[in-house]
Amino acid sequence: MNKQLTDPEFLTFCETALPIEVVEKFTDNNIRGLENIALRSISTRNKLPANVANLLVAYFYSHFGNQVYNRNDLARLYDYWASKDVRTMAQAAEMTNEDIEAVLNTLR
């Protein structure tokens, strides 16, 4: 797991940031069309609290930042967290301990 995901300052940032701002932190402000598509896919779901969704985005991009990835994977992961009823930052932090590759392989 990326140690930034557990940094108290970063967690405070997640409380008020926009998802695109979270992505910028992990991609060195290199927002591509792929990121816009992935973020758009979760923007209307409203199943997770905004701060939890931001930590989910951080978890995803801490692994896939500046790589090519399946544009549907962020939405798959979002729905997975929603199905696990992740409602708090503590629960979200616990979910970031999971191997993202293994989780996505079971969801595809």
PDB file of N, CA and C in Angstrom:
ATOM      1  N   MET A   1       0.842  -1.182   0.000  1.00  0.00           N
ATOM      2  CA  MET A   1       0.000   0.000   0.000  1.00  0.00           C
ATOM      3  C   MET A   1       0.885   1.243   0.000  1.00  0.00           C
ATOM      4  N   ASN A   2       0.435   2.244  -0.695  1.00  0.00           N
ATOM      5  CA  ASN A   2       1.126   3.525  -0.755  1.00  0.00           C
ATOM      6  C   ASN A   2       1.011   4.209   0.596  1.00  0.00           C
ATOM      7  N   LYS A   3       2.129   4.624   1.172  1.00  0.00           N
ATOM      8  CA  LYS A   3       2.082   5.202   2.519  1.00  0.00           C
ATOM      9  C   LYS A   3       1.335   6.521   2.544  1.00  0.00           C
ATOM     10  N   GLN A   4       1.241   7.199   1.417  1.00  0.00           N
ATOM     11  CA  GLN A   4       0.485   8.445   1.369  1.00  0.00           C
ATOM     12  C   GLN A   4      -0.988   8.209   1.704  1.00  0.00           C
ATOM     13  N   LEU A   5      -1.497   7.039   1.421  1.00  0.00           N
ATOM     14  CA  LEU A   5      -2.908   6.733   1.682  1.00  0.00           C
ATOM     15  C   LEU A   5      -3.239   6.738   3.170  1.00  0.00           C
ATOM     16  N   THR A   6      -2.245   6.596   4.008  1.00  0.00           N
ATOM     17  CA  THR A   6      -2.485   6.598   5.455  1.00  0.00           C
ATOM     18  C   THR A   6      -1.997   7.874   6.126  1.00  0.00           C
ATOM     19  N   ASP A   7      -1.428   8.779   5.356  1.00  0.00           N
ATOM     20  CA  ASP A   7      -0.922  10.036   5.895  1.00  0.00           C
ATOM     21  C   ASP A   7      -2.091  10.905   6.368  1.00  0.00           C
ATOM     22  N   PRO A   8      -2.092  11.325   7.639  1.00  0.00           N
ATOM     23  CA  PRO A   8      -3.204  12.131   8.171  1.00  0.00           C
ATOM     24  C   PRO A   8      -3.470  13.402   7.368  1.00  0.00           C
ATOM     25  N   GLU A   9      -2.427  14.028   6.880  1.00  0.00           N
ATOM     26  CA  GLU A   9      -2.609  15.240   6.081  1.00  0.00           C
ATOM     27  C   GLU A   9      -3.335  14.922   4.769  1.00  0.00           C
ATOM     28  N   PHE A  10      -2.968  13.793   4.156  1.00  0.00           N
ATOM     29  CA  PHE A  10      -3.630  13.396   2.918  1.00  0.00           C
ATOM     30  C   PHE A  10      -5.092  13.028   3.180  1.00  0.00           C
ATOM     31  N   LEU A  11      -5.352  12.339   4.277  1.00  0.00           N
ATOM     32  CA  LEU A  11      -6.726  11.968   4.620  1.00  0.00           C
ATOM     33  C   LEU A  11      -7.585  13.212   4.854  1.00  0.00           C
ATOM     34  N   THR A  12      -6.997  14.240   5.452  1.00  0.00           N
ATOM     35  CA  THR A  12      -7.710  15.511   5.623  1.00  0.00           C
ATOM     36  C   THR A  12      -7.999  16.142   4.262  1.00  0.00           C
ATOM     37  N   PHE A  13      -7.024  16.082   3.365  1.00  0.00           N
ATOM     38  CA  PHE A  13      -7.205  16.577   2.000  1.00  0.00           C
ATOM     39  C   PHE A  13      -8.388  15.879   1.329  1.00  0.00           C
ATOM     40  N   CYS A  14      -8.520  14.565   1.537  1.00  0.00           N
ATOM     41  CA  CYS A  14      -9.605  13.784   0.926  1.00  0.00           C
ATOM     42  C   CYS A  14     -10.987  14.216   1.414  1.00  0.00           C
ATOM     43  N   GLU A  15     -11.042  14.829   2.571  1.00  0.00           N
ATOM     44  CA  GLU A  15     -12.335  15.252   3.122  1.00  0.00           C
ATOM     45  C   GLU A  15     -13.007  16.325   2.266  1.00  0.00           C
ATOM     46  N   THR A  16     -12.217  17.173   1.605  1.00  0.00           N
ATOM     47  CA  THR A  16     -12.802  18.305   0.885  1.00  0.00           C
ATOM     48  C   THR A  16     -12.411  18.383  -0.591  1.00  0.00           C
ATOM     49  N   ALA A  17     -11.496  17.575  -1.028  1.00  0.00           N
ATOM     50  CA  ALA A  17     -10.991  17.656  -2.400  1.00  0.00           C
ATOM     51  C   ALA A  17     -12.019  17.145  -3.409  1.00  0.00           C
ATOM     52  N   LEU A  18     -11.831  17.560  -4.629  1.00  0.00           N
ATOM     53  CA  LEU A  18     -12.576  16.987  -5.738  1.00  0.00           C
ATOM     54  C   LEU A  18     -11.805  15.765  -6.223  1.00  0.00           C
ATOM     55  N   PRO A  19     -12.482  14.767  -6.765  1.00  0.00           N
ATOM     56  CA  PRO A  19     -11.772  13.579  -7.257  1.00  0.00           C
ATOM     57  C   PRO A  19     -10.649  13.916  -8.248  1.00  0.00           C
ATOM     58  N   ILE A  20     -10.864  14.896  -9.100  1.00  0.00           N
ATOM     59  CA  ILE A  20      -9.830  15.264 -10.065  1.00  0.00           C
ATOM     60  C   ILE A  20      -8.580  15.791  -9.365  1.00  0.00           C
ATOM     61  N   GLU A  21      -8.750  16.469  -8.231  1.00  0.00           N
ATOM     62  CA  GLU A  21      -7.605  16.955  -7.462  1.00  0.00           C
ATOM     63  C   GLU A  21      -6.814  15.799  -6.862  1.00  0.00           C
ATOM     64  N   VAL A  22      -7.528  14.758  -6.472  1.00  0.00           N
ATOM     65  CA  VAL A  22      -6.862  13.559  -5.939  1.00  0.00           C
ATOM     66  C   VAL A  22      -6.032  12.902  -7.047  1.00  0.00           C
ATOM     67  N   VAL A  23      -6.630  12.786  -8.232  1.00  0.00           N
ATOM     68  CA  VAL A  23      -5.913  12.183  -9.359  1.00  0.00           C
ATOM     69  C   VAL A  23      -4.666  12.996  -9.692  1.00  0.00           C
ATOM     70  N   GLU A  24      -4.785  14.315  -9.655  1.00  0.00           N
ATOM     71  CA  GLU A  24      -3.630  15.169  -9.958  1.00  0.00           C
ATOM     72  C   GLU A  24      -2.448  14.873  -9.045  1.00  0.00           C
ATOM     73  N   LYS A  25      -2.705  14.553  -7.795  1.00  0.00           N
ATOM     74  CA  LYS A  25      -1.622  14.242  -6.851  1.00  0.00           C
ATOM     75  C   LYS A  25      -0.853  12.983  -7.262  1.00  0.00           C
ATOM     76  N   PHE A  26      -1.547  12.021  -7.842  1.00  0.00           N
ATOM     77  CA  PHE A  26      -0.917  10.742  -8.170  1.00  0.00           C
ATOM     78  C   PHE A  26      -0.404  10.668  -9.601  1.00  0.00           C
ATOM     79  N   THR A  27      -0.770  11.653 -10.420  1.00  0.00           N
ATOM     80  CA  THR A  27      -0.322  11.637 -11.813  1.00  0.00           C
ATOM     81  C   THR A  27       0.555  12.841 -12.136  1.00  0.00           C
ATOM     82  N   ASP A  28       1.015  13.534 -11.107  1.00  0.00           N
ATOM     83  CA  ASP A  28       1.838  14.733 -11.303  1.00  0.00           C
ATOM     84  C   ASP A  28       1.154  15.727 -12.236  1.00  0.00           C
ATOM     85  N   ASN A  29      -0.130  15.948 -12.003  1.00  0.00           N
ATOM     86  CA  ASN A  29      -0.954  16.883 -12.783  1.00  0.00           C
ATOM     87  C   ASN A  29      -1.069  16.506 -14.250  1.00  0.00           C
ATOM     88  N   ASN A  30      -0.848  15.250 -14.566  1.00  0.00           N
ATOM     89  CA  ASN A  30      -0.912  14.767 -15.942  1.00  0.00           C
ATOM     90  C   ASN A  30      -2.268  14.085 -16.174  1.00  0.00           C
ATOM     91  N   ILE A  31      -3.313  14.884 -16.323  1.00  0.00           N
ATOM     92  CA  ILE A  31      -4.653  14.344 -16.514  1.00  0.00           C
ATOM     93  C   ILE A  31      -4.868  14.071 -17.998  1.00  0.00           C
ATOM     94  N   ARG A  32      -5.120  12.815 -18.305  1.00  0.00           N
ATOM     95  CA  ARG A  32      -5.355  12.398 -19.691  1.00  0.00           C
ATOM     96  C   ARG A  32      -6.844  12.177 -19.908  1.00  0.00           C
ATOM     97  N   GLY A  33      -7.217  11.934 -21.114  1.00  0.00           N
ATOM     98  CA  GLY A  33      -8.605  11.607 -21.433  1.00  0.00           C
ATOM     99  C   GLY A  33      -9.063  10.370 -20.684  1.00  0.00           C
ATOM    100  N   LEU A  34      -8.166   9.426 -20.508  1.00  0.00           N
ATOM    101  CA  LEU A  34      -8.489   8.190 -19.798  1.00  0.00           C
ATOM    102  C   LEU A  34      -8.944   8.480 -18.370  1.00  0.00           C
ATOM    103  N   GLU A  35      -8.269   9.403 -17.697  1.00  0.00           N
ATOM    104  CA  GLU A  35      -8.670   9.759 -16.330  1.00  0.00           C
ATOM    105  C   GLU A  35     -10.041  10.426 -16.334  1.00  0.00           C
ATOM    106  N   ASN A  36     -10.272  11.287 -17.298  1.00  0.00           N
ATOM    107  CA  ASN A  36     -11.577  11.949 -17.383  1.00  0.00           C
ATOM    108  C   ASN A  36     -12.706  10.952 -17.596  1.00  0.00           C
ATOM    109  N   ILE A  37     -12.482   9.969 -18.443  1.00  0.00           N
ATOM    110  CA  ILE A  37     -13.491   8.932 -18.688  1.00  0.00           C
ATOM    111  C   ILE A  37     -13.738   8.120 -17.426  1.00  0.00           C
ATOM    112  N   ALA A  38     -12.659   7.704 -16.764  1.00  0.00           N
ATOM    113  CA  ALA A  38     -12.788   6.896 -15.545  1.00  0.00           C
ATOM    114  C   ALA A  38     -13.518   7.674 -14.451  1.00  0.00           C
ATOM    115  N   LEU A  39     -13.169   8.941 -14.265  1.00  0.00           N
ATOM    116  CA  LEU A  39     -13.831   9.750 -13.233  1.00  0.00           C
ATOM    117  C   LEU A  39     -15.287  10.017 -13.575  1.00  0.00           C
ATOM    118  N   ARG A  40     -15.566  10.227 -14.841  1.00  0.00           N
ATOM    119  CA  ARG A  40     -16.957  10.433 -15.258  1.00  0.00           C
ATOM    120  C   ARG A  40     -17.808   9.195 -14.960  1.00  0.00           C
ATOM    121  N   SER A  41     -17.193   8.020 -15.056  1.00  0.00           N
ATOM    122  CA  SER A  41     -17.935   6.779 -14.831  1.00  0.00           C
ATOM    123  C   SER A  41     -18.398   6.624 -13.385  1.00  0.00           C
ATOM    124  N   ILE A  42     -17.757   7.329 -12.452  1.00  0.00           N
ATOM    125  CA  ILE A  42     -18.186   7.232 -11.052  1.00  0.00           C
ATOM    126  C   ILE A  42     -18.884   8.489 -10.556  1.00  0.00           C
ATOM    127  N   SER A  43     -18.882   9.538 -11.359  1.00  0.00           N
ATOM    128  CA  SER A  43     -19.364  10.844 -10.898  1.00  0.00           C
ATOM    129  C   SER A  43     -20.844  10.876 -10.530  1.00  0.00           C
ATOM    130  N   THR A  44     -21.653  10.027 -11.105  1.00  0.00           N
ATOM    131  CA  THR A  44     -23.090  10.054 -10.820  1.00  0.00           C
ATOM    132  C   THR A  44     -23.560   8.896  -9.952  1.00  0.00           C
ATOM    133  N   ARG A  45     -22.659   8.071  -9.501  1.00  0.00           N
ATOM    134  CA  ARG A  45     -23.063   6.882  -8.748  1.00  0.00           C
ATOM    135  C   ARG A  45     -23.626   7.227  -7.362  1.00  0.00           C
ATOM    136  N   ASN A  46     -22.990   8.116  -6.638  1.00  0.00           N
ATOM    137  CA  ASN A  46     -23.481   8.576  -5.328  1.00  0.00           C
ATOM    138  C   ASN A  46     -23.813   7.455  -4.340  1.00  0.00           C
ATOM    139  N   LYS A  47     -23.060   6.372  -4.387  1.00  0.00           N
ATOM    140  CA  LYS A  47     -23.261   5.271  -3.443  1.00  0.00           C
ATOM    141  C   LYS A  47     -22.303   5.358  -2.257  1.00  0.00           C
ATOM    142  N   LEU A  48     -21.204   6.083  -2.431  1.00  0.00           N
ATOM    143  CA  LEU A  48     -20.196   6.224  -1.380  1.00  0.00           C
ATOM    144  C   LEU A  48     -20.122   7.685  -0.951  1.00  0.00           C
ATOM    145  N   PRO A  49     -19.822   7.936   0.322  1.00  0.00           N
ATOM    146  CA  PRO A  49     -19.568   9.318   0.740  1.00  0.00           C
ATOM    147  C   PRO A  49     -18.398   9.896  -0.066  1.00  0.00           C
ATOM    148  N   ALA A  50     -18.404  11.202  -0.278  1.00  0.00           N
ATOM    149  CA  ALA A  50     -17.387  11.849  -1.118  1.00  0.00           C
ATOM    150  C   ALA A  50     -15.970  11.590  -0.619  1.00  0.00           C
ATOM    151  N   ASN A  51     -15.749  11.633   0.699  1.00  0.00           N
ATOM    152  CA  ASN A  51     -14.395  11.418   1.215  1.00  0.00           C
ATOM    153  C   ASN A  51     -13.931   9.982   0.988  1.00  0.00           C
ATOM    154  N   VAL A  52     -14.845   9.036   1.099  1.00  0.00           N
ATOM    155  CA  VAL A  52     -14.523   7.622   0.841  1.00  0.00           C
ATOM    156  C   VAL A  52     -14.220   7.431  -0.645  1.00  0.00           C
ATOM    157  N   ALA A  53     -15.018   8.066  -1.494  1.00  0.00           N
ATOM    158  CA  ALA A  53     -14.771   7.982  -2.940  1.00  0.00           C
ATOM    159  C   ALA A  53     -13.404   8.568  -3.277  1.00  0.00           C
ATOM    160  N   ASN A  54     -13.027   9.642  -2.600  1.00  0.00           N
ATOM    161  CA  ASN A  54     -11.705  10.227  -2.842  1.00  0.00           C
ATOM    162  C   ASN A  54     -10.589   9.277  -2.438  1.00  0.00           C
ATOM    163  N   LEU A  55     -10.754   8.581  -1.338  1.00  0.00           N
ATOM    164  CA  LEU A  55      -9.729   7.615  -0.925  1.00  0.00           C
ATOM    165  C   LEU A  55      -9.694   6.439  -1.902  1.00  0.00           C
ATOM    166  N   LEU A  56     -10.836   6.045  -2.410  1.00  0.00           N
ATOM    167  CA  LEU A  56     -10.901   5.012  -3.443  1.00  0.00           C
ATOM    168  C   LEU A  56     -10.126   5.461  -4.685  1.00  0.00           C
ATOM    169  N   VAL A  57     -10.344   6.694  -5.112  1.00  0.00           N
ATOM    170  CA  VAL A  57      -9.631   7.242  -6.268  1.00  0.00           C
ATOM    171  C   VAL A  57      -8.130   7.255  -5.989  1.00  0.00           C
ATOM    172  N   ALA A  58      -7.749   7.651  -4.789  1.00  0.00           N
ATOM    173  CA  ALA A  58      -6.326   7.662  -4.415  1.00  0.00           C
ATOM    174  C   ALA A  58      -5.747   6.251  -4.452  1.00  0.00           C
ATOM    175  N   TYR A  59      -6.473   5.300  -3.914  1.00  0.00           N
ATOM    176  CA  TYR A  59      -6.051   3.893  -3.917  1.00  0.00           C
ATOM    177  C   TYR A  59      -5.845   3.412  -5.355  1.00  0.00           C
ATOM    178  N   PHE A  60      -6.795   3.730  -6.216  1.00  0.00           N
ATOM    179  CA  PHE A  60      -6.720   3.305  -7.609  1.00  0.00           C
ATOM    180  C   PHE A  60      -5.514   3.933  -8.315  1.00  0.00           C
ATOM    181  N   TYR A  61      -5.382   5.252  -8.183  1.00  0.00           N
ATOM    182  CA  TYR A  61      -4.314   5.937  -8.902  1.00  0.00           C
ATOM    183  C   TYR A  61      -2.947   5.792  -8.247  1.00  0.00           C
ATOM    184  N   SER A  62      -2.891   5.412  -6.986  1.00  0.00           N
ATOM    185  CA  SER A  62      -1.588   5.118  -6.393  1.00  0.00           C
ATOM    186  C   SER A  62      -0.988   3.876  -7.050  1.00  0.00           C
ATOM    187  N   HIS A  63      -1.862   3.042  -7.613  1.00  0.00           N
ATOM    188  CA  HIS A  63      -1.402   1.847  -8.311  1.00  0.00           C
ATOM    189  C   HIS A  63      -1.285   2.080  -9.825  1.00  0.00           C
ATOM    190  N   PHE A  64      -2.289   2.744 -10.407  1.00  0.00           N
ATOM    191  CA  PHE A  64      -2.358   2.877 -11.860  1.00  0.00           C
ATOM    192  C   PHE A  64      -1.945   4.245 -12.397  1.00  0.00           C
ATOM    193  N   GLY A  65      -1.524   5.169 -11.547  1.00  0.00           N
ATOM    194  CA  GLY A  65      -1.168   6.515 -12.003  1.00  0.00           C
ATOM    195  C   GLY A  65      -0.170   6.487 -13.146  1.00  0.00           C
ATOM    196  N   ASN A  66      -0.452   7.242 -14.201  1.00  0.00           N
ATOM    197  CA  ASN A  66       0.398   7.361 -15.392  1.00  0.00           C
ATOM    198  C   ASN A  66       0.621   6.046 -16.130  1.00  0.00           C
ATOM    199  N   GLN A  67      -0.290   5.083 -15.953  1.00  0.00           N
ATOM    200  CA  GLN A  67      -0.247   3.834 -16.704  1.00  0.00           C
ATOM    201  C   GLN A  67      -1.504   3.746 -17.556  1.00  0.00           C
ATOM    202  N   VAL A  68      -1.486   2.846 -18.493  1.00  0.00           N
ATOM    203  CA  VAL A  68      -2.696   2.537 -19.241  1.00  0.00           C
ATOM    204  C   VAL A  68      -3.433   1.463 -18.456  1.00  0.00           C
ATOM    205  N   TYR A  69      -4.733   1.652 -18.282  1.00  0.00           N
ATOM    206  CA  TYR A  69      -5.557   0.711 -17.521  1.00  0.00           C
ATOM    207  C   TYR A  69      -6.921   0.628 -18.184  1.00  0.00           C
ATOM    208  N   ASN A  70      -7.690  -0.349 -17.798  1.00  0.00           N
ATOM    209  CA  ASN A  70      -9.045  -0.494 -18.312  1.00  0.00           C
ATOM    210  C   ASN A  70      -9.898   0.643 -17.757  1.00  0.00           C
ATOM    211  N   ARG A  71     -10.516   1.408 -18.620  1.00  0.00           N
ATOM    212  CA  ARG A  71     -11.262   2.590 -18.178  1.00  0.00           C
ATOM    213  C   ARG A  71     -12.453   2.249 -17.294  1.00  0.00           C
ATOM    214  N   ASN A  72     -12.870   0.993 -17.290  1.00  0.00           N
ATOM    215  CA  ASN A  72     -13.998   0.571 -16.452  1.00  0.00           C
ATOM    216  C   ASN A  72     -13.572   0.079 -15.075  1.00  0.00           C
ATOM    217  N   ASP A  73     -12.275  -0.069 -14.861  1.00  0.00           N
ATOM    218  CA  ASP A  73     -11.800  -0.624 -13.592  1.00  0.00           C
ATOM    219  C   ASP A  73     -12.120   0.256 -12.390  1.00  0.00           C
ATOM    220  N   LEU A  74     -12.048   1.572 -12.538  1.00  0.00           N
ATOM    221  CA  LEU A  74     -12.370   2.448 -11.414  1.00  0.00           C
ATOM    222  C   LEU A  74     -13.839   2.279 -11.026  1.00  0.00           C
ATOM    223  N   ALA A  75     -14.719   2.199 -12.009  1.00  0.00           N
ATOM    224  CA  ALA A  75     -16.144   1.994 -11.732  1.00  0.00           C
ATOM    225  C   ALA A  75     -16.386   0.625 -11.089  1.00  0.00           C
ATOM    226  N   ARG A  76     -15.676  -0.389 -11.557  1.00  0.00           N
ATOM    227  CA  ARG A  76     -15.804  -1.723 -10.956  1.00  0.00           C
ATOM    228  C   ARG A  76     -15.403  -1.689  -9.482  1.00  0.00           C
ATOM    229  N   LEU A  77     -14.293  -1.015  -9.213  1.00  0.00           N
ATOM    230  CA  LEU A  77     -13.803  -0.912  -7.841  1.00  0.00           C
ATOM    231  C   LEU A  77     -14.772  -0.102  -6.983  1.00  0.00           C
ATOM    232  N   TYR A  78     -15.310   0.962  -7.539  1.00  0.00           N
ATOM    233  CA  TYR A  78     -16.303   1.786  -6.830  1.00  0.00           C
ATOM    234  C   TYR A  78     -17.505   0.929  -6.430  1.00  0.00           C
ATOM    235  N   ASP A  79     -18.034   0.176  -7.387  1.00  0.00           N
ATOM    236  CA  ASP A  79     -19.192  -0.677  -7.101  1.00  0.00           C
ATOM    237  C   ASP A  79     -18.860  -1.762  -6.080  1.00  0.00           C
ATOM    238  N   TYR A  80     -17.636  -2.264  -6.142  1.00  0.00           N
ATOM    239  CA  TYR A  80     -17.191  -3.263  -5.171  1.00  0.00           C
ATOM    240  C   TYR A  80     -17.192  -2.678  -3.762  1.00  0.00           C
ATOM    241  N   TRP A  81     -16.630  -1.476  -3.597  1.00  0.00           N
ATOM    242  CA  TRP A  81     -16.627  -0.831  -2.279  1.00  0.00           C
ATOM    243  C   TRP A  81     -18.054  -0.552  -1.829  1.00  0.00           C
ATOM    244  N   ALA A  82     -18.915  -0.146  -2.749  1.00  0.00           N
ATOM    245  CA  ALA A  82     -20.319   0.118  -2.394  1.00  0.00           C
ATOM    246  C   ALA A  82     -20.990  -1.177  -1.936  1.00  0.00           C
ATOM    247  N   SER A  83     -20.680  -2.283  -2.590  1.00  0.00           N
ATOM    248  CA  SER A  83     -21.276  -3.565  -2.202  1.00  0.00           C
ATOM    249  C   SER A  83     -20.787  -4.022  -0.826  1.00  0.00           C
ATOM    250  N   LYS A  84     -19.600  -3.571  -0.445  1.00  0.00           N
ATOM    251  CA  LYS A  84     -19.046  -3.881   0.885  1.00  0.00           C
ATOM    252  C   LYS A  84     -19.503  -2.866   1.927  1.00  0.00           C
ATOM    253  N   ASP A  85     -20.352  -1.911   1.507  1.00  0.00           N
ATOM    254  CA  ASP A  85     -20.923  -0.884   2.381  1.00  0.00           C
ATOM    255  C   ASP A  85     -19.845  -0.081   3.117  1.00  0.00           C
ATOM    256  N   VAL A  86     -18.850   0.370   2.361  1.00  0.00           N
ATOM    257  CA  VAL A  86     -17.782   1.199   2.917  1.00  0.00           C
ATOM    258  C   VAL A  86     -18.354   2.601   3.113  1.00  0.00           C
ATOM    259  N   ARG A  87     -18.472   3.031   4.367  1.00  0.00           N
ATOM    260  CA  ARG A  87     -19.110   4.314   4.674  1.00  0.00           C
ATOM    261  C   ARG A  87     -18.187   5.292   5.395  1.00  0.00           C
ATOM    262  N   THR A  88     -17.117   4.808   5.982  1.00  0.00           N
ATOM    263  CA  THR A  88     -16.240   5.672   6.773  1.00  0.00           C
ATOM    264  C   THR A  88     -14.813   5.622   6.224  1.00  0.00           C
ATOM    265  N   MET A  89     -14.044   6.626   6.615  1.00  0.00           N
ATOM    266  CA  MET A  89     -12.635   6.650   6.201  1.00  0.00           C
ATOM    267  C   MET A  89     -11.866   5.472   6.802  1.00  0.00           C
ATOM    268  N   ALA A  90     -12.231   5.069   7.994  1.00  0.00           N
ATOM    269  CA  ALA A  90     -11.562   3.916   8.621  1.00  0.00           C
ATOM    270  C   ALA A  90     -11.822   2.651   7.800  1.00  0.00           C
ATOM    271  N   GLN A  91     -13.057   2.458   7.372  1.00  0.00           N
ATOM    272  CA  GLN A  91     -13.372   1.299   6.536  1.00  0.00           C
ATOM    273  C   GLN A  91     -12.652   1.397   5.191  1.00  0.00           C
ATOM    274  N   ALA A  92     -12.616   2.595   4.629  1.00  0.00           N
ATOM    275  CA  ALA A  92     -11.944   2.793   3.345  1.00  0.00           C
ATOM    276  C   ALA A  92     -10.448   2.511   3.475  1.00  0.00           C
ATOM    277  N   ALA A  93      -9.850   2.983   4.555  1.00  0.00           N
ATOM    278  CA  ALA A  93      -8.422   2.734   4.781  1.00  0.00           C
ATOM    279  C   ALA A  93      -8.155   1.231   4.877  1.00  0.00           C
ATOM    280  N   GLU A  94      -9.066   0.519   5.497  1.00  0.00           N
ATOM    281  CA  GLU A  94      -8.938  -0.945   5.593  1.00  0.00           C
ATOM    282  C   GLU A  94      -9.010  -1.578   4.200  1.00  0.00           C
ATOM    283  N   MET A  95      -9.890  -1.072   3.354  1.00  0.00           N
ATOM    284  CA  MET A  95     -10.039  -1.611   1.999  1.00  0.00           C
ATOM    285  C   MET A  95      -8.785  -1.379   1.150  1.00  0.00           C
ATOM    286  N   THR A  96      -8.039  -0.331   1.449  1.00  0.00           N
ATOM    287  CA  THR A  96      -6.830  -0.064   0.669  1.00  0.00           C
ATOM    288  C   THR A  96      -5.730  -1.078   0.945  1.00  0.00           C
ATOM    289  N   ASN A  97      -5.928  -1.928   1.945  1.00  0.00           N
ATOM    290  CA  ASN A  97      -4.963  -2.992   2.223  1.00  0.00           C
ATOM    291  C   ASN A  97      -5.121  -4.169   1.271  1.00  0.00           C
ATOM    292  N   GLU A  98      -6.236  -4.223   0.552  1.00  0.00           N
ATOM    293  CA  GLU A  98      -6.464  -5.321  -0.385  1.00  0.00           C
ATOM    294  C   GLU A  98      -5.577  -5.151  -1.616  1.00  0.00           C
ATOM    295  N   ASP A  99      -5.182  -6.268  -2.201  1.00  0.00           N
ATOM    296  CA  ASP A  99      -4.394  -6.258  -3.431  1.00  0.00           C
ATOM    297  C   ASP A  99      -5.317  -5.851  -4.578  1.00  0.00           C
ATOM    298  N   ILE A 100      -5.106  -4.664  -5.115  1.00  0.00           N
ATOM    299  CA  ILE A 100      -6.000  -4.122  -6.137  1.00  0.00           C
ATOM    300  C   ILE A 100      -6.071  -5.014  -7.378  1.00  0.00           C
ATOM    301  N   GLU A 101      -4.956  -5.590  -7.762  1.00  0.00           N
ATOM    302  CA  GLU A 101      -4.933  -6.481  -8.939  1.00  0.00           C
ATOM    303  C   GLU A 101      -5.808  -7.707  -8.711  1.00  0.00           C
ATOM    304  N   ALA A 102      -5.691  -8.308  -7.518  1.00  0.00           N
ATOM    305  CA  ALA A 102      -6.502  -9.486  -7.204  1.00  0.00           C
ATOM    306  C   ALA A 102      -7.977  -9.149  -7.180  1.00  0.00           C
ATOM    307  N   VAL A 103      -8.328  -8.014  -6.587  1.00  0.00           N
ATOM    308  CA  VAL A 103      -9.721  -7.603  -6.525  1.00  0.00           C
ATOM    309  C   VAL A 103     -10.275  -7.397  -7.924  1.00  0.00           C
ATOM    310  N   LEU A 104      -9.547  -6.660  -8.749  1.00  0.00           N
ATOM    311  CA  LEU A 104     -10.028  -6.388 -10.106  1.00  0.00           C
ATOM    312  C   LEU A 104     -10.124  -7.669 -10.931  1.00  0.00           C
ATOM    313  N   ASN A 105      -9.219  -8.598 -10.732  1.00  0.00           N
ATOM    314  CA  ASN A 105      -9.289  -9.861 -11.474  1.00  0.00           C
ATOM    315  C   ASN A 105     -10.550 -10.638 -11.138  1.00  0.00           C
ATOM    316  N   THR A 106     -11.017 -10.529  -9.902  1.00  0.00           N
ATOM    317  CA  THR A 106     -12.261 -11.226  -9.532  1.00  0.00           C
ATOM    318  C   THR A 106     -13.496 -10.497 -10.049  1.00  0.00           C
ATOM    319  N   LEU A 107     -13.366  -9.199 -10.334  1.00  0.00           N
ATOM    320  CA  LEU A 107     -14.504  -8.403 -10.773  1.00  0.00           C
ATOM    321  C   LEU A 107     -14.688  -8.381 -12.288  1.00  0.00           C
ATOM    322  N   ARG A 108     -13.679  -8.756 -13.022  1.00  0.00           N
ATOM    323  CA  ARG A 108     -13.759  -8.710 -14.503  1.00  0.00           C
ATOM    324  C   ARG A 108     -14.466  -9.931 -15.040  1.00  0.00           C
TER     325      ARG A 108
END
